[in-house]
């Protein structure tokens, strides 16, 4: 199976005035197409920094990161282009635009990709149908429950047909019942062939992925297959 993510000796250093803070130390990580991988660790472990590099929101200070065989060591504009084409984001707080309808929120990244309006509408409706929200396409985010907002975010991520769905604490703002429903949806999407990378501090959530990578003090301390999944 082809590698979607290939990291070699990735380091991240933040400069704070005259001081430096090293957030990641020599990260080596391979993720294959179609995998469901969780990255777990406590606050301050470095998992958010790692997520930002995986998501092409930031560059590594040193080392190499290839996303779908593309070297991501590039300027911000090129990085944004890679991000928009290759990654579908699901955030803890949904990141929906309050003034746009459900349909318009899902269409937005497709518009940025420069697709024809007919293709934008088609893909957005298909994605909303997949998450069971076609009856809510005219609603604004304020009219939705937390679970419905997260399903809109999932639909938005799916619509671009990304190489990776990157889910950052996708159950963090939800009650346990709704969180379970979101996890079941992610598992179903993975069974359909989608590559999913889930970032969480919750080991119970992390254990639901097929593979669990633990990050502590900026280093990968374990990488294990969840045999129970």
Protein backbone atom coordinates (compact mmCIF):
# COMPACT_ATOMS: atom_id res chain seq x y z
CA UNK A 1 0.00 0.00 0.00
CA UNK A 2 1.33 3.44 -0.96
CA UNK A 3 2.51 5.88 1.70
CA UNK A 4 0.37 8.99 2.10
CA UNK A 5 2.52 10.40 4.91
CA UNK A 6 6.28 9.99 5.08
CA UNK A 7 8.20 11.88 7.78
CA UNK A 8 11.94 11.60 8.23
CA UNK A 9 13.77 13.17 11.20
CA UNK A 10 11.25 15.99 11.52
CA UNK A 11 12.08 18.62 14.13
CA UNK A 12 10.23 21.78 15.11
CA UNK A 13 11.88 24.65 16.97
CA UNK A 14 10.09 27.83 18.05
CA UNK A 15 12.13 30.96 18.68
CA UNK A 16 10.99 33.00 21.67
CA UNK A 17 13.09 36.14 21.73
CA UNK A 18 16.65 34.98 22.39
CA UNK A 19 15.48 31.56 23.50
CA UNK A 20 14.50 28.48 21.54
CA UNK A 21 11.86 25.89 22.41
CA UNK A 22 12.06 22.51 20.69
CA UNK A 23 8.57 21.06 20.27
CA UNK A 24 9.37 17.98 18.12
CA UNK A 25 12.44 15.73 18.16
CA UNK A 26 13.39 13.57 15.14
CA UNK A 27 9.88 12.39 14.23
CA UNK A 28 9.81 9.43 11.84
CA UNK A 29 6.31 8.42 10.79
CA UNK A 30 4.82 6.48 7.87
CA UNK A 31 1.07 6.29 7.25
CA UNK A 32 -0.30 4.20 4.40
CA UNK A 33 -3.27 4.99 2.21
CA UNK A 34 -6.46 3.70 3.85
CA UNK A 35 -5.13 3.57 7.41
CA UNK A 36 -7.00 4.88 10.47
CA UNK A 37 -4.32 6.22 12.83
CA UNK A 38 -4.74 8.07 16.10
CA UNK A 39 -2.05 10.34 17.53
CA UNK A 40 -2.48 10.60 21.29
CA UNK A 41 -0.72 12.47 24.06
CA UNK A 42 -1.36 14.86 26.95
CA UNK A 43 -1.44 18.64 26.65
CA UNK A 44 2.02 19.95 25.78
CA UNK A 45 3.22 16.62 24.38
CA UNK A 46 3.71 18.00 20.87
CA UNK A 47 0.76 16.39 19.14
CA UNK A 48 -0.76 19.72 18.05
CA UNK A 49 2.58 20.79 16.57
CA UNK A 50 2.77 17.45 14.77
CA UNK A 51 -0.81 17.88 13.54
CA UNK A 52 0.01 21.35 12.16
CA UNK A 53 2.91 19.93 10.15
CA UNK A 54 0.89 16.93 8.93
CA UNK A 55 -1.91 19.34 7.94
CA UNK A 56 0.49 21.66 6.08
CA UNK A 57 -0.44 24.50 8.44
CA UNK A 58 3.22 24.85 9.37
CA UNK A 59 6.63 23.74 8.12
CA UNK A 60 9.14 21.60 9.98
CA UNK A 61 12.32 23.36 11.13
CA UNK A 62 14.36 20.47 9.77
CA UNK A 63 13.82 17.01 8.33
CA UNK A 64 11.55 15.96 5.48
CA UNK A 65 7.79 15.54 5.18
CA UNK A 66 6.26 14.09 2.02
CA UNK A 67 2.47 14.18 1.65
CA UNK A 68 1.31 11.91 -1.15
CA UNK A 69 4.91 12.02 -2.49
CA UNK A 70 4.96 15.85 -2.50
CA UNK A 71 7.76 17.52 -0.56
CA UNK A 72 6.04 20.01 1.76
CA UNK A 73 9.15 22.10 2.39
CA UNK A 74 7.85 25.08 0.44
CA UNK A 75 6.54 28.64 0.80
CA UNK A 76 3.20 29.49 2.43
CA UNK A 77 1.30 29.85 -0.84
CA UNK A 78 2.39 26.44 -2.12
CA UNK A 79 1.72 24.94 1.30
CA UNK A 80 -1.84 26.35 1.23
CA UNK A 81 -2.36 24.86 -2.24
CA UNK A 82 -1.23 21.41 -1.06
CA UNK A 83 -3.41 21.71 2.05
CA UNK A 84 -6.53 22.64 0.10
CA UNK A 85 -6.12 19.79 -2.39
CA UNK A 86 -4.87 17.00 -0.15
CA UNK A 87 -6.38 17.42 3.33
CA UNK A 88 -9.89 17.52 4.74
CA UNK A 89 -10.01 19.04 8.24
CA UNK A 90 -12.41 18.22 11.07
CA UNK A 91 -11.95 20.50 14.08
CA UNK A 92 -13.14 20.24 17.69
CA UNK A 93 -15.03 23.52 17.41
CA UNK A 94 -16.29 22.79 13.88
CA UNK A 95 -14.94 26.06 12.30
CA UNK A 96 -18.19 26.70 10.44
CA UNK A 97 -18.96 30.20 9.18
CA UNK A 98 -22.03 31.44 11.05
CA UNK A 99 -23.39 33.60 8.22
CA UNK A 100 -23.33 30.76 5.69
CA UNK A 101 -25.86 27.95 5.37
CA UNK A 102 -24.92 24.31 5.86
CA UNK A 103 -24.70 23.85 2.10
CA UNK A 104 -22.58 27.00 1.63
CA UNK A 105 -20.16 25.90 4.38
CA UNK A 106 -19.59 22.58 2.62
CA UNK A 107 -19.23 24.28 -0.78
CA UNK A 108 -16.61 26.79 0.38
CA UNK A 109 -13.41 24.68 0.04
CA UNK A 110 -14.61 23.45 -3.35
CA UNK A 111 -14.99 27.04 -4.53
CA UNK A 112 -11.40 27.68 -3.40
CA UNK A 113 -10.34 24.73 -5.56
CA UNK A 114 -11.77 26.52 -8.58
CA UNK A 115 -14.33 23.87 -9.51
CA UNK A 116 -17.31 24.64 -11.73
CA UNK A 117 -20.40 25.72 -9.80
CA UNK A 118 -22.34 22.65 -10.95
CA UNK A 119 -19.58 20.34 -9.64
CA UNK A 120 -19.37 22.31 -6.38
CA UNK A 121 -23.11 21.88 -5.75
CA UNK A 122 -23.06 18.19 -6.74
CA UNK A 123 -20.16 17.27 -4.45
CA UNK A 124 -21.53 19.27 -1.52
CA UNK A 125 -24.94 17.60 -1.74
CA UNK A 126 -23.37 14.15 -2.06
CA UNK A 127 -21.28 14.74 1.06
CA UNK A 128 -24.25 16.04 3.05
CA UNK A 129 -26.28 13.02 1.98
CA UNK A 130 -23.49 10.76 3.27
CA UNK A 131 -23.73 12.32 6.75
CA UNK A 132 -27.55 12.41 6.73
CA UNK A 133 -28.05 16.17 6.58
CA UNK A 134 -29.74 16.83 3.24
CA UNK A 135 -32.83 18.06 5.11
CA UNK A 136 -30.75 20.77 6.83
CA UNK A 137 -28.95 22.35 3.86
CA UNK A 138 -30.57 25.78 4.35
CA UNK A 139 -29.98 25.89 8.11
CA UNK A 140 -27.34 28.16 9.65
CA UNK A 141 -24.86 26.68 12.16
CA UNK A 142 -26.64 28.35 15.10
CA UNK A 143 -29.72 26.25 14.28
CA UNK A 144 -27.84 22.94 14.61
CA UNK A 145 -26.90 20.72 17.53
CA UNK A 146 -23.24 20.01 18.28
CA UNK A 147 -23.45 16.62 16.61
CA UNK A 148 -25.05 18.11 13.51
CA UNK A 149 -22.34 20.79 13.32
CA UNK A 150 -19.67 18.09 13.46
CA UNK A 151 -21.42 16.16 10.70
CA UNK A 152 -21.36 19.31 8.56
CA UNK A 153 -17.63 19.56 9.26
CA UNK A 154 -17.21 15.92 8.20
CA UNK A 155 -19.18 16.58 5.01
CA UNK A 156 -17.00 19.62 4.28
CA UNK A 157 -13.87 17.49 4.74
CA UNK A 158 -15.22 14.74 2.47
CA UNK A 159 -16.34 17.05 -0.31
CA UNK A 160 -12.82 17.83 -1.52
CA UNK A 161 -12.05 14.09 -1.86
CA UNK A 162 -8.82 14.55 0.14
CA UNK A 163 -5.90 12.17 0.52
CA UNK A 164 -6.24 12.50 4.31
CA UNK A 165 -9.04 13.38 6.68
CA UNK A 166 -7.32 15.08 9.63
CA UNK A 167 -9.57 15.11 12.70
CA UNK A 168 -8.45 17.30 15.61
CA UNK A 169 -10.25 16.26 18.83
CA UNK A 170 -13.45 15.62 16.81
CA UNK A 171 -15.41 14.47 19.87
CA UNK A 172 -13.98 17.03 22.30
CA UNK A 173 -16.97 19.39 22.29
CA UNK A 174 -19.62 16.64 22.22
CA UNK A 175 -21.45 14.60 24.84
CA UNK A 176 -20.49 10.92 25.06
CA UNK A 177 -23.46 9.63 23.02
CA UNK A 178 -22.91 12.10 20.17
CA UNK A 179 -19.16 11.54 20.36
CA UNK A 180 -19.73 7.82 19.89
CA UNK A 181 -21.87 8.53 16.81
CA UNK A 182 -19.11 10.70 15.30
CA UNK A 183 -16.51 7.97 15.93
CA UNK A 184 -18.77 5.38 14.26
CA UNK A 185 -19.05 7.71 11.26
CA UNK A 186 -15.26 8.04 11.04
CA UNK A 187 -14.88 4.25 11.24
CA UNK A 188 -17.43 3.83 8.44
CA UNK A 189 -15.57 6.37 6.27
CA UNK A 190 -12.34 4.48 6.89
CA UNK A 191 -13.99 1.22 5.78
CA UNK A 192 -14.88 3.00 2.53
CA UNK A 193 -11.15 3.59 1.96
CA UNK A 194 -10.59 7.04 3.47
CA UNK A 195 -7.27 7.65 5.24
CA UNK A 196 -7.97 9.14 8.67
CA UNK A 197 -5.53 10.69 11.13
CA UNK A 198 -7.16 11.52 14.46
CA UNK A 199 -5.52 13.76 17.08
CA UNK A 200 -6.71 13.34 20.67
CA UNK A 201 -5.66 13.49 24.32
CA UNK A 202 -8.21 10.76 25.17
CA UNK A 203 -6.74 7.26 25.05
CA UNK A 204 -10.21 5.66 25.01
CA UNK A 205 -10.92 7.55 21.78
CA UNK A 206 -7.44 6.80 20.42
CA UNK A 207 -7.89 3.07 20.99
CA UNK A 208 -10.81 3.04 18.55
CA UNK A 209 -8.41 3.65 15.65
CA UNK A 210 -6.69 0.67 14.06
CA UNK A 211 -3.28 2.08 14.98
CA UNK A 212 -2.26 4.31 17.90
CA UNK A 213 0.81 6.55 17.91
CA UNK A 214 1.72 8.03 21.32
CA UNK A 215 3.58 11.35 21.55
CA UNK A 216 5.32 12.49 24.75
CA UNK A 217 7.73 15.41 25.20
CA UNK A 218 7.91 15.94 21.44
CA UNK A 219 8.86 12.35 20.65
CA UNK A 220 7.00 9.29 19.39
CA UNK A 221 7.19 6.91 22.35
CA UNK A 222 5.06 4.07 20.94
CA UNK A 223 3.41 3.01 17.69
CA UNK A 224 1.09 0.07 18.08
CA UNK A 225 -1.67 -1.79 16.25
CA UNK A 226 -4.97 -2.01 18.10
CA UNK A 227 -5.73 -5.70 17.67
CA UNK A 228 -9.18 -5.33 19.25
CA UNK A 229 -10.37 -3.04 16.43
